[in-house]
Amino acid sequence: MSYCFTKALKLPFGEAVERVIDQFKQRGFGVLSDIDVKATLKKKLGVDFQNYRILGMCNPPNAYKALSAEPNIGVMLPCNAVVYEQGDHTVLSIIRPTVAMQAVGNDELGPVATYIEGELKAVFDSLH
């Protein structure tokens, strides 16, 4: 079982990032973090890297449920999506919470992970 949903998009990188963020917002997620890996690697290591953004997405009501059921679950939050260039196309990958939460072994997290994964999959399916 794969730990993420992944596909190539028919969008330029910048537009793909904007569309991903917009689709998440439409489903009640906010952007907690936005890491520009290309800029960070250039600044810290002086190396060139392809466009690569890590978006940390959060749905507050469900984050609260997960944290209430398992205080240490914060190490696995927020839900990450990555958008990056690979060759001549843009790739989108989104975490699968049901797979990630299996490692925790807390049955109370199952319904939250299933719900959030459905929301993430809806975002994933909406983008082409």
N, C-alpha and C. Protein backbone atom coordinates (compact mmCIF):
# COMPACT_ATOMS: atom_id res chain seq x y z
N MET A 1 0.85 -1.17 0.00
CA MET A 1 0.00 0.00 0.00
C MET A 1 0.90 1.24 0.00
N SER A 2 0.68 2.12 -0.94
CA SER A 2 1.49 3.33 -1.04
C SER A 2 1.14 4.32 0.05
N TYR A 3 2.12 5.05 0.52
CA TYR A 3 1.92 6.04 1.58
C TYR A 3 1.43 7.39 1.06
N CYS A 4 1.30 7.50 -0.29
CA CYS A 4 0.81 8.78 -0.83
C CYS A 4 0.09 8.55 -2.17
N PHE A 5 -0.71 9.55 -2.53
CA PHE A 5 -1.32 9.61 -3.85
C PHE A 5 -0.38 10.45 -4.70
N THR A 6 -0.03 10.00 -5.90
CA THR A 6 0.91 10.73 -6.75
C THR A 6 0.45 10.69 -8.20
N LYS A 7 0.59 11.85 -8.86
CA LYS A 7 0.30 11.91 -10.29
C LYS A 7 0.95 13.13 -10.92
N ALA A 8 1.13 13.04 -12.24
CA ALA A 8 1.63 14.17 -13.01
C ALA A 8 0.44 15.08 -13.33
N LEU A 9 0.69 16.38 -13.26
CA LEU A 9 -0.33 17.37 -13.58
C LEU A 9 -0.02 18.03 -14.91
N LYS A 10 -1.05 18.47 -15.61
CA LYS A 10 -0.88 19.18 -16.87
C LYS A 10 -0.90 20.68 -16.63
N LEU A 11 -0.19 21.12 -15.60
CA LEU A 11 -0.14 22.52 -15.21
C LEU A 11 1.31 22.93 -15.01
N PRO A 12 1.64 24.18 -15.32
CA PRO A 12 2.97 24.66 -14.97
C PRO A 12 3.11 24.70 -13.45
N PHE A 13 4.33 24.63 -12.96
CA PHE A 13 4.59 24.52 -11.54
C PHE A 13 3.87 25.57 -10.70
N GLY A 14 4.04 26.84 -11.00
CA GLY A 14 3.44 27.91 -10.20
C GLY A 14 1.93 27.83 -10.16
N GLU A 15 1.33 27.54 -11.30
CA GLU A 15 -0.13 27.41 -11.35
C GLU A 15 -0.58 26.18 -10.56
N ALA A 16 0.19 25.11 -10.63
CA ALA A 16 -0.16 23.90 -9.89
C ALA A 16 -0.18 24.18 -8.39
N VAL A 17 0.83 24.89 -7.88
CA VAL A 17 0.87 25.22 -6.45
C VAL A 17 -0.36 26.02 -6.07
N GLU A 18 -0.69 27.03 -6.86
CA GLU A 18 -1.87 27.87 -6.56
C GLU A 18 -3.15 27.05 -6.57
N ARG A 19 -3.30 26.18 -7.56
CA ARG A 19 -4.52 25.36 -7.65
C ARG A 19 -4.62 24.38 -6.49
N VAL A 20 -3.50 23.77 -6.10
CA VAL A 20 -3.51 22.83 -4.98
C VAL A 20 -3.96 23.56 -3.71
N ILE A 21 -3.37 24.71 -3.43
CA ILE A 21 -3.75 25.48 -2.24
C ILE A 21 -5.22 25.87 -2.30
N ASP A 22 -5.70 26.32 -3.45
CA ASP A 22 -7.10 26.71 -3.60
C ASP A 22 -8.04 25.53 -3.35
N GLN A 23 -7.72 24.37 -3.90
CA GLN A 23 -8.57 23.20 -3.72
C GLN A 23 -8.60 22.75 -2.26
N PHE A 24 -7.46 22.83 -1.59
CA PHE A 24 -7.45 22.51 -0.16
C PHE A 24 -8.32 23.48 0.62
N LYS A 25 -8.20 24.76 0.33
CA LYS A 25 -9.01 25.76 1.04
C LYS A 25 -10.49 25.51 0.84
N GLN A 26 -10.90 25.10 -0.36
CA GLN A 26 -12.31 24.81 -0.62
C GLN A 26 -12.82 23.64 0.21
N ARG A 27 -11.92 22.80 0.71
CA ARG A 27 -12.32 21.65 1.52
C ARG A 27 -12.03 21.86 3.01
N GLY A 28 -11.78 23.12 3.41
CA GLY A 28 -11.64 23.45 4.81
C GLY A 28 -10.24 23.33 5.38
N PHE A 29 -9.23 23.26 4.52
CA PHE A 29 -7.85 23.16 4.97
C PHE A 29 -7.16 24.51 4.81
N GLY A 30 -6.28 24.80 5.74
CA GLY A 30 -5.44 25.98 5.63
C GLY A 30 -4.00 25.57 5.47
N VAL A 31 -3.18 26.49 5.00
CA VAL A 31 -1.76 26.23 4.82
C VAL A 31 -1.03 26.64 6.10
N LEU A 32 -0.52 25.66 6.84
CA LEU A 32 0.26 25.94 8.05
C LEU A 32 1.71 26.23 7.70
N SER A 33 2.20 25.57 6.68
CA SER A 33 3.59 25.78 6.27
C SER A 33 3.69 25.66 4.76
N ASP A 34 4.63 26.40 4.22
CA ASP A 34 4.90 26.37 2.78
C ASP A 34 6.41 26.47 2.64
N ILE A 35 7.04 25.34 2.40
CA ILE A 35 8.50 25.28 2.33
C ILE A 35 8.94 25.24 0.87
N ASP A 36 9.70 26.24 0.49
CA ASP A 36 10.28 26.31 -0.85
C ASP A 36 11.64 25.61 -0.78
N VAL A 37 11.65 24.33 -1.12
CA VAL A 37 12.86 23.51 -0.99
C VAL A 37 13.96 24.02 -1.91
N LYS A 38 13.61 24.43 -3.12
CA LYS A 38 14.61 24.94 -4.06
C LYS A 38 15.35 26.14 -3.45
N ALA A 39 14.62 27.11 -2.92
CA ALA A 39 15.24 28.30 -2.33
C ALA A 39 16.05 27.95 -1.09
N THR A 40 15.52 27.04 -0.27
CA THR A 40 16.21 26.64 0.96
C THR A 40 17.54 25.95 0.65
N LEU A 41 17.53 25.03 -0.31
CA LEU A 41 18.76 24.33 -0.65
C LEU A 41 19.79 25.26 -1.28
N LYS A 42 19.31 26.22 -2.05
CA LYS A 42 20.22 27.21 -2.64
C LYS A 42 20.87 28.05 -1.54
N LYS A 43 20.05 28.51 -0.60
CA LYS A 43 20.55 29.37 0.48
C LYS A 43 21.47 28.61 1.44
N LYS A 44 21.07 27.42 1.84
CA LYS A 44 21.81 26.68 2.86
C LYS A 44 23.01 25.89 2.32
N LEU A 45 22.87 25.36 1.09
CA LEU A 45 23.91 24.51 0.55
C LEU A 45 24.57 25.06 -0.72
N GLY A 46 23.96 26.09 -1.29
CA GLY A 46 24.50 26.64 -2.53
C GLY A 46 24.29 25.73 -3.73
N VAL A 47 23.31 24.83 -3.65
CA VAL A 47 23.06 23.90 -4.75
C VAL A 47 21.78 24.28 -5.50
N ASP A 48 21.76 23.92 -6.76
CA ASP A 48 20.57 24.13 -7.58
C ASP A 48 19.71 22.87 -7.51
N PHE A 49 18.41 23.08 -7.40
CA PHE A 49 17.44 21.99 -7.29
C PHE A 49 16.21 22.40 -8.08
N GLN A 50 15.44 21.42 -8.52
CA GLN A 50 14.22 21.74 -9.26
C GLN A 50 13.21 22.44 -8.34
N ASN A 51 12.22 23.08 -8.93
CA ASN A 51 11.13 23.67 -8.15
C ASN A 51 10.49 22.56 -7.32
N TYR A 52 10.35 22.79 -6.02
CA TYR A 52 9.83 21.78 -5.11
C TYR A 52 9.26 22.49 -3.89
N ARG A 53 7.96 22.33 -3.67
CA ARG A 53 7.30 22.97 -2.52
C ARG A 53 6.64 21.90 -1.66
N ILE A 54 6.81 22.04 -0.35
CA ILE A 54 6.13 21.18 0.61
C ILE A 54 5.07 22.03 1.30
N LEU A 55 3.82 21.64 1.13
CA LEU A 55 2.69 22.37 1.70
C LEU A 55 2.14 21.59 2.89
N GLY A 56 2.19 22.20 4.06
CA GLY A 56 1.64 21.57 5.27
C GLY A 56 0.21 22.04 5.46
N MET A 57 -0.74 21.16 5.20
CA MET A 57 -2.16 21.51 5.21
C MET A 57 -2.82 21.03 6.51
N CYS A 58 -3.74 21.86 7.03
CA CYS A 58 -4.40 21.52 8.29
C CYS A 58 -5.90 21.78 8.21
N ASN A 59 -6.66 20.83 8.71
CA ASN A 59 -8.09 20.97 8.90
C ASN A 59 -8.30 21.01 10.41
N PRO A 60 -8.45 22.22 10.99
CA PRO A 60 -8.44 22.37 12.45
C PRO A 60 -9.37 21.46 13.24
N PRO A 61 -10.66 21.29 12.84
CA PRO A 61 -11.52 20.41 13.64
C PRO A 61 -11.00 18.98 13.73
N ASN A 62 -10.47 18.48 12.63
CA ASN A 62 -9.98 17.10 12.63
C ASN A 62 -8.60 16.98 13.26
N ALA A 63 -7.80 18.02 13.15
CA ALA A 63 -6.52 18.03 13.87
C ALA A 63 -6.79 17.96 15.37
N TYR A 64 -7.79 18.70 15.83
CA TYR A 64 -8.17 18.68 17.24
C TYR A 64 -8.61 17.28 17.68
N LYS A 65 -9.42 16.62 16.85
CA LYS A 65 -9.86 15.26 17.18
C LYS A 65 -8.66 14.31 17.29
N ALA A 66 -7.75 14.41 16.33
CA ALA A 66 -6.59 13.52 16.34
C ALA A 66 -5.70 13.79 17.56
N LEU A 67 -5.46 15.06 17.86
CA LEU A 67 -4.62 15.42 19.00
C LEU A 67 -5.27 15.03 20.32
N SER A 68 -6.60 15.10 20.38
CA SER A 68 -7.31 14.69 21.59
C SER A 68 -7.23 13.19 21.81
N ALA A 69 -7.21 12.43 20.72
CA ALA A 69 -7.13 10.97 20.82
C ALA A 69 -5.71 10.50 21.08
N GLU A 70 -4.73 11.27 20.61
CA GLU A 70 -3.32 10.84 20.67
C GLU A 70 -2.43 12.07 20.70
N PRO A 71 -2.06 12.55 21.89
CA PRO A 71 -1.29 13.79 21.99
C PRO A 71 0.00 13.80 21.17
N ASN A 72 0.66 12.67 21.03
CA ASN A 72 1.92 12.63 20.27
C ASN A 72 1.72 12.63 18.76
N ILE A 73 0.47 12.61 18.31
CA ILE A 73 0.20 12.55 16.86
C ILE A 73 0.69 13.82 16.16
N GLY A 74 0.94 14.86 16.94
CA GLY A 74 1.47 16.09 16.36
C GLY A 74 2.75 15.88 15.58
N VAL A 75 3.51 14.83 15.88
CA VAL A 75 4.73 14.58 15.11
C VAL A 75 4.40 14.17 13.67
N MET A 76 3.15 13.78 13.42
CA MET A 76 2.75 13.36 12.08
C MET A 76 1.86 14.41 11.40
N LEU A 77 1.69 15.55 12.03
CA LEU A 77 0.86 16.61 11.46
C LEU A 77 1.76 17.75 11.02
N PRO A 78 1.36 18.58 10.10
CA PRO A 78 0.10 18.56 9.36
C PRO A 78 0.17 17.55 8.21
N CYS A 79 -0.92 17.50 7.43
CA CYS A 79 -0.96 16.65 6.25
C CYS A 79 -0.13 17.34 5.15
N ASN A 80 0.85 16.65 4.65
CA ASN A 80 1.72 17.25 3.65
C ASN A 80 1.32 16.89 2.23
N ALA A 81 1.47 17.89 1.38
CA ALA A 81 1.36 17.72 -0.06
C ALA A 81 2.63 18.30 -0.66
N VAL A 82 3.16 17.67 -1.67
CA VAL A 82 4.32 18.21 -2.36
C VAL A 82 3.98 18.44 -3.82
N VAL A 83 4.51 19.53 -4.34
CA VAL A 83 4.38 19.86 -5.75
C VAL A 83 5.80 20.10 -6.23
N TYR A 84 6.19 19.39 -7.29
CA TYR A 84 7.55 19.56 -7.79
C TYR A 84 7.63 19.33 -9.29
N GLU A 85 8.70 19.86 -9.85
CA GLU A 85 8.96 19.65 -11.27
C GLU A 85 9.81 18.40 -11.43
N GLN A 86 9.44 17.61 -12.42
CA GLN A 86 10.22 16.43 -12.75
C GLN A 86 10.28 16.36 -14.27
N GLY A 87 11.45 16.68 -14.80
CA GLY A 87 11.57 16.75 -16.25
C GLY A 87 10.71 17.88 -16.77
N ASP A 88 9.83 17.56 -17.71
CA ASP A 88 8.99 18.59 -18.32
C ASP A 88 7.57 18.62 -17.77
N HIS A 89 7.34 17.99 -16.63
CA HIS A 89 6.00 18.04 -16.04
C HIS A 89 6.05 18.33 -14.54
N THR A 90 4.89 18.60 -13.99
CA THR A 90 4.72 18.91 -12.58
C THR A 90 4.07 17.72 -11.90
N VAL A 91 4.56 17.37 -10.73
CA VAL A 91 4.07 16.21 -9.99
C VAL A 91 3.41 16.69 -8.69
N LEU A 92 2.31 16.03 -8.33
CA LEU A 92 1.62 16.26 -7.07
C LEU A 92 1.63 14.96 -6.28
N SER A 93 2.04 15.03 -5.02
CA SER A 93 1.94 13.89 -4.10
C SER A 93 1.29 14.38 -2.81
N ILE A 94 0.34 13.59 -2.31
CA ILE A 94 -0.38 13.92 -1.08
C ILE A 94 -0.35 12.70 -0.16
N ILE A 95 -0.05 12.95 1.11
CA ILE A 95 0.03 11.88 2.11
C ILE A 95 -1.30 11.12 2.23
N ARG A 96 -1.21 9.85 2.56
CA ARG A 96 -2.39 9.03 2.87
C ARG A 96 -2.45 8.81 4.37
N PRO A 97 -3.28 9.57 5.08
CA PRO A 97 -3.33 9.47 6.54
C PRO A 97 -3.65 8.07 7.07
N THR A 98 -4.44 7.29 6.35
CA THR A 98 -4.78 5.96 6.86
C THR A 98 -3.53 5.09 6.95
N VAL A 99 -2.63 5.26 6.00
CA VAL A 99 -1.39 4.48 6.02
C VAL A 99 -0.47 4.99 7.14
N ALA A 100 -0.33 6.31 7.23
CA ALA A 100 0.54 6.90 8.25
C ALA A 100 0.06 6.55 9.66
N MET A 101 -1.24 6.59 9.89
CA MET A 101 -1.78 6.37 11.23
C MET A 101 -1.73 4.91 11.67
N GLN A 102 -1.57 3.98 10.74
CA GLN A 102 -1.47 2.57 11.11
C GLN A 102 -0.28 2.33 12.03
N ALA A 103 0.77 3.11 11.86
CA ALA A 103 1.97 2.95 12.67
C ALA A 103 1.73 3.31 14.13
N VAL A 104 0.71 4.11 14.40
CA VAL A 104 0.45 4.59 15.76
C VAL A 104 -0.24 3.53 16.61
N GLY A 105 -1.14 2.75 16.02
CA GLY A 105 -1.81 1.70 16.76
C GLY A 105 -2.90 2.19 17.71
N ASN A 106 -3.53 3.32 17.39
CA ASN A 106 -4.62 3.85 18.22
C ASN A 106 -5.89 3.82 17.37
N ASP A 107 -6.82 2.94 17.74
CA ASP A 107 -8.05 2.77 16.95
C ASP A 107 -8.90 4.03 16.88
N GLU A 108 -8.76 4.93 17.85
CA GLU A 108 -9.54 6.18 17.83
C GLU A 108 -9.15 7.07 16.65
N LEU A 109 -7.97 6.87 16.11
CA LEU A 109 -7.52 7.70 14.98
C LEU A 109 -8.09 7.24 13.64
N GLY A 110 -8.57 6.01 13.59
CA GLY A 110 -9.07 5.45 12.33
C GLY A 110 -10.12 6.29 11.64
N PRO A 111 -11.21 6.65 12.33
CA PRO A 111 -12.25 7.44 11.66
C PRO A 111 -11.76 8.82 11.19
N VAL A 112 -10.91 9.45 11.98
CA VAL A 112 -10.37 10.76 11.58
C VAL A 112 -9.48 10.59 10.35
N ALA A 113 -8.60 9.61 10.38
CA ALA A 113 -7.70 9.37 9.24
C ALA A 113 -8.49 9.03 7.98
N THR A 114 -9.54 8.23 8.12
CA THR A 114 -10.35 7.86 6.96
C THR A 114 -11.06 9.08 6.38
N TYR A 115 -11.62 9.91 7.24
CA TYR A 115 -12.30 11.11 6.78
C TYR A 115 -11.32 12.06 6.07
N ILE A 116 -10.21 12.33 6.71
CA ILE A 116 -9.23 13.26 6.13
C ILE A 116 -8.68 12.70 4.82
N GLU A 117 -8.43 11.41 4.76
CA GLU A 117 -7.94 10.84 3.52
C GLU A 117 -8.96 11.02 2.39
N GLY A 118 -10.23 10.90 2.71
CA GLY A 118 -11.27 11.14 1.70
C GLY A 118 -11.23 12.57 1.19
N GLU A 119 -11.01 13.52 2.10
CA GLU A 119 -10.92 14.93 1.71
C GLU A 119 -9.67 15.17 0.86
N LEU A 120 -8.54 14.58 1.26
CA LEU A 120 -7.31 14.74 0.50
C LEU A 120 -7.43 14.11 -0.88
N LYS A 121 -8.09 12.96 -0.94
CA LYS A 121 -8.28 12.28 -2.23
C LYS A 121 -9.18 13.11 -3.14
N ALA A 122 -10.17 13.79 -2.57
CA ALA A 122 -11.03 14.66 -3.37
C ALA A 122 -10.22 15.82 -3.98
N VAL A 123 -9.32 16.39 -3.19
CA VAL A 123 -8.43 17.42 -3.72
C VAL A 123 -7.58 16.83 -4.84
N PHE A 124 -6.97 15.70 -4.57
CA PHE A 124 -6.12 15.01 -5.54
C PHE A 124 -6.87 14.76 -6.85
N ASP A 125 -8.08 14.23 -6.73
CA ASP A 125 -8.88 13.89 -7.92
C ASP A 125 -9.33 15.12 -8.70
N SER A 126 -9.40 16.27 -8.03
CA SER A 126 -9.88 17.49 -8.69
C SER A 126 -8.83 18.16 -9.57
N LEU A 127 -7.59 17.74 -9.43
CA LEU A 127 -6.48 18.37 -10.14
C LEU A 127 -5.98 17.50 -11.28
N HIS A 128 -5.69 18.14 -12.41
CA HIS A 128 -5.24 17.39 -13.60
C HIS A 128 -4.06 18.08 -14.26
